[in-house]
Protein backbone atom coordinates (compact mmCIF):
# COMPACT_ATOMS: atom_id res chain seq x y z
CA TYR A 1 0.04 0.09 0.17
CA VAL A 2 1.08 3.61 -0.48
CA ALA A 3 0.25 6.75 1.72
CA SER A 4 -1.58 8.70 -1.13
CA ILE A 5 -1.87 8.94 -4.77
CA PRO A 6 -1.41 12.47 -6.40
CA GLU A 7 -4.42 13.77 -8.20
CA ASP A 8 -2.13 15.37 -10.98
CA TYR A 9 -1.44 12.77 -13.73
CA SER A 10 1.91 14.17 -14.41
CA GLN A 11 2.68 13.44 -10.68
CA LYS A 12 1.17 10.05 -11.07
CA ALA A 13 3.53 9.29 -14.08
CA LYS A 14 6.53 9.66 -11.67
CA LEU A 15 5.44 6.94 -9.34
CA ASP A 16 7.22 3.58 -9.37
CA ARG A 17 3.75 1.97 -9.29
CA MET A 18 0.01 2.76 -8.95
CA GLY A 19 -0.50 1.23 -5.56
CA TYR A 20 -3.57 1.25 -3.31
CA THR A 21 -4.10 3.45 -0.43
CA SER A 22 -6.39 1.03 1.41
CA VAL A 23 -7.74 -2.55 1.53
CA THR A 24 -11.09 -1.27 0.50
CA GLU A 25 -9.70 0.53 -2.52
CA ALA A 26 -7.84 -2.65 -3.66
CA LEU A 27 -10.96 -4.76 -3.14
CA ALA A 28 -13.16 -2.40 -4.93
CA GLU A 29 -10.76 -2.05 -7.87
CA ARG A 30 -10.45 -5.91 -7.89
CA PHE A 31 -14.19 -6.67 -7.89
CA HIS A 32 -15.06 -3.55 -10.21
CA MET A 33 -17.09 -1.86 -7.31
CA ASP A 34 -17.34 1.79 -5.87
CA GLU A 35 -15.50 1.80 -2.67
CA GLY A 36 -18.60 3.38 -0.82
CA TYR A 37 -20.84 0.64 -2.13
CA LEU A 38 -18.44 -2.07 -0.93
CA LYS A 39 -18.51 -0.50 2.53
CA SER A 40 -22.27 -0.25 2.40
CA ILE A 41 -22.76 -3.72 1.92
CA ASN A 42 -20.13 -4.77 4.56
CA LYS A 43 -21.19 -2.53 7.45
CA GLY A 44 -19.07 -2.75 10.64
CA LEU A 45 -16.51 -4.94 8.94
CA ASP A 46 -12.91 -4.49 9.84
CA PHE A 47 -11.38 -4.67 6.41
CA ASN A 48 -7.80 -4.64 7.74
CA ARG A 49 -8.41 -7.90 9.87
CA PRO A 50 -6.86 -10.97 8.26
CA GLY A 51 -9.42 -13.56 7.45
CA THR A 52 -12.42 -11.32 7.24
CA ILE A 53 -15.17 -12.51 4.93
CA VAL A 54 -16.26 -9.81 2.65
CA LYS A 55 -19.36 -9.52 0.39
CA VAL A 56 -18.40 -8.39 -3.16
CA ALA A 57 -20.14 -7.98 -6.55
CA ASN A 58 -20.31 -10.92 -8.91
CA PHE A 59 -19.10 -9.15 -11.93
CA GLY A 60 -19.98 -12.21 -14.13
CA MET A 61 -18.33 -14.04 -16.93
CA LEU A 62 -15.88 -12.57 -19.43
CA VAL A 63 -17.46 -11.42 -22.74
CA SER A 64 -17.03 -13.98 -25.37
CA THR A 65 -19.24 -12.52 -27.90
CA PRO A 66 -17.40 -10.86 -30.68
CA VAL A 67 -17.50 -6.95 -30.21
CA ALA A 68 -18.40 -5.00 -33.31
CA ARG A 69 -18.74 -1.57 -31.99
CA ILE A 70 -17.44 0.27 -28.83
CA VAL A 71 -18.91 3.55 -27.73
CA ALA A 72 -17.03 5.70 -25.11
CA ASP A 73 -19.66 8.11 -23.61
CA LYS A 74 -17.86 11.05 -21.81
CA ASP A 75 -21.06 12.35 -20.14
CA LYS A 76 -22.00 9.02 -18.61
CA LYS A 77 -18.21 8.10 -17.93
CA GLU A 78 -18.86 4.54 -19.44
CA VAL A 79 -17.83 2.47 -22.38
CA PHE A 80 -20.33 0.21 -24.06
CA ALA A 81 -19.58 -2.72 -26.19
CA TYR A 82 -22.18 -3.92 -28.90
CA ASP A 83 -22.30 -7.02 -31.08
CA ALA A 84 -22.83 -7.13 -34.69
CA GLY A 85 -26.60 -6.96 -34.13
CA GLY A 86 -26.35 -3.92 -32.06
CA LYS A 87 -27.11 -5.82 -28.79
CA LEU A 88 -25.18 -4.33 -25.62
CA VAL A 89 -22.72 -7.26 -24.51
CA ALA A 90 -20.66 -5.28 -21.96
CA SER A 91 -20.52 -1.84 -20.25
CA TYR A 92 -17.54 -0.58 -18.01
CA PRO A 93 -17.11 2.77 -15.87
CA ALA A 94 -14.28 4.72 -17.52
CA THR A 95 -12.25 8.03 -16.89
CA ILE A 96 -12.43 9.58 -20.48
CA GLY A 97 -10.20 12.51 -20.85
CA SER A 98 -9.82 15.55 -18.60
CA ALA A 99 -9.57 19.45 -18.76
CA ASP A 100 -5.86 19.10 -19.42
CA THR A 101 -5.92 16.21 -21.75
CA PRO A 102 -9.56 16.00 -23.47
CA SER A 103 -10.45 12.99 -25.43
CA PRO A 104 -11.17 13.42 -29.08
CA THR A 105 -14.75 13.53 -30.25
CA GLY A 106 -16.01 11.65 -33.17
CA ILE A 107 -15.88 8.22 -34.87
CA HIS A 108 -12.67 6.32 -34.53
CA THR A 109 -11.23 2.94 -35.61
CA VAL A 110 -9.60 0.62 -33.03
CA SER A 111 -6.21 -0.21 -34.56
CA ARG A 112 -4.64 -2.29 -31.83
CA ILE A 113 -5.66 -3.94 -28.36
CA ALA A 114 -3.37 -4.12 -25.23
CA LEU A 115 -4.42 -6.63 -22.87
CA ASP A 116 -3.58 -5.73 -19.17
CA PRO A 117 -1.58 -2.70 -20.12
CA ASN A 118 0.71 -0.88 -17.93
CA TYR A 119 -0.34 2.70 -16.70
CA THR A 120 1.41 5.19 -18.93
CA TYR A 121 1.31 9.04 -19.32
CA ASN A 122 2.30 10.88 -22.44
């Protein structure tokens, strides 16, 4: 764990690694949950006690359906994946750009895919 993570992305880029500041942050990230929701469904638990049984979201199976279209919705802060027939097959929360580094708007083509990428900045 680390004491804190800077808000500024250029400062984040200088870190050796993007660690977690707490057990709840690590669990929320691992199980694709909001940290507040994780705490709310585990009222009164000591997350720092080894062996504690914790309730988490069942995030389901990995998507095996071929994805034909991806929509990144900046306002909703979500990414949606659709099959060739237009059926929603996956959705994920996402941080899409910022005031300093706004994401482009428009229609774009995916040119490559990085599985489990490292955090990079610039």
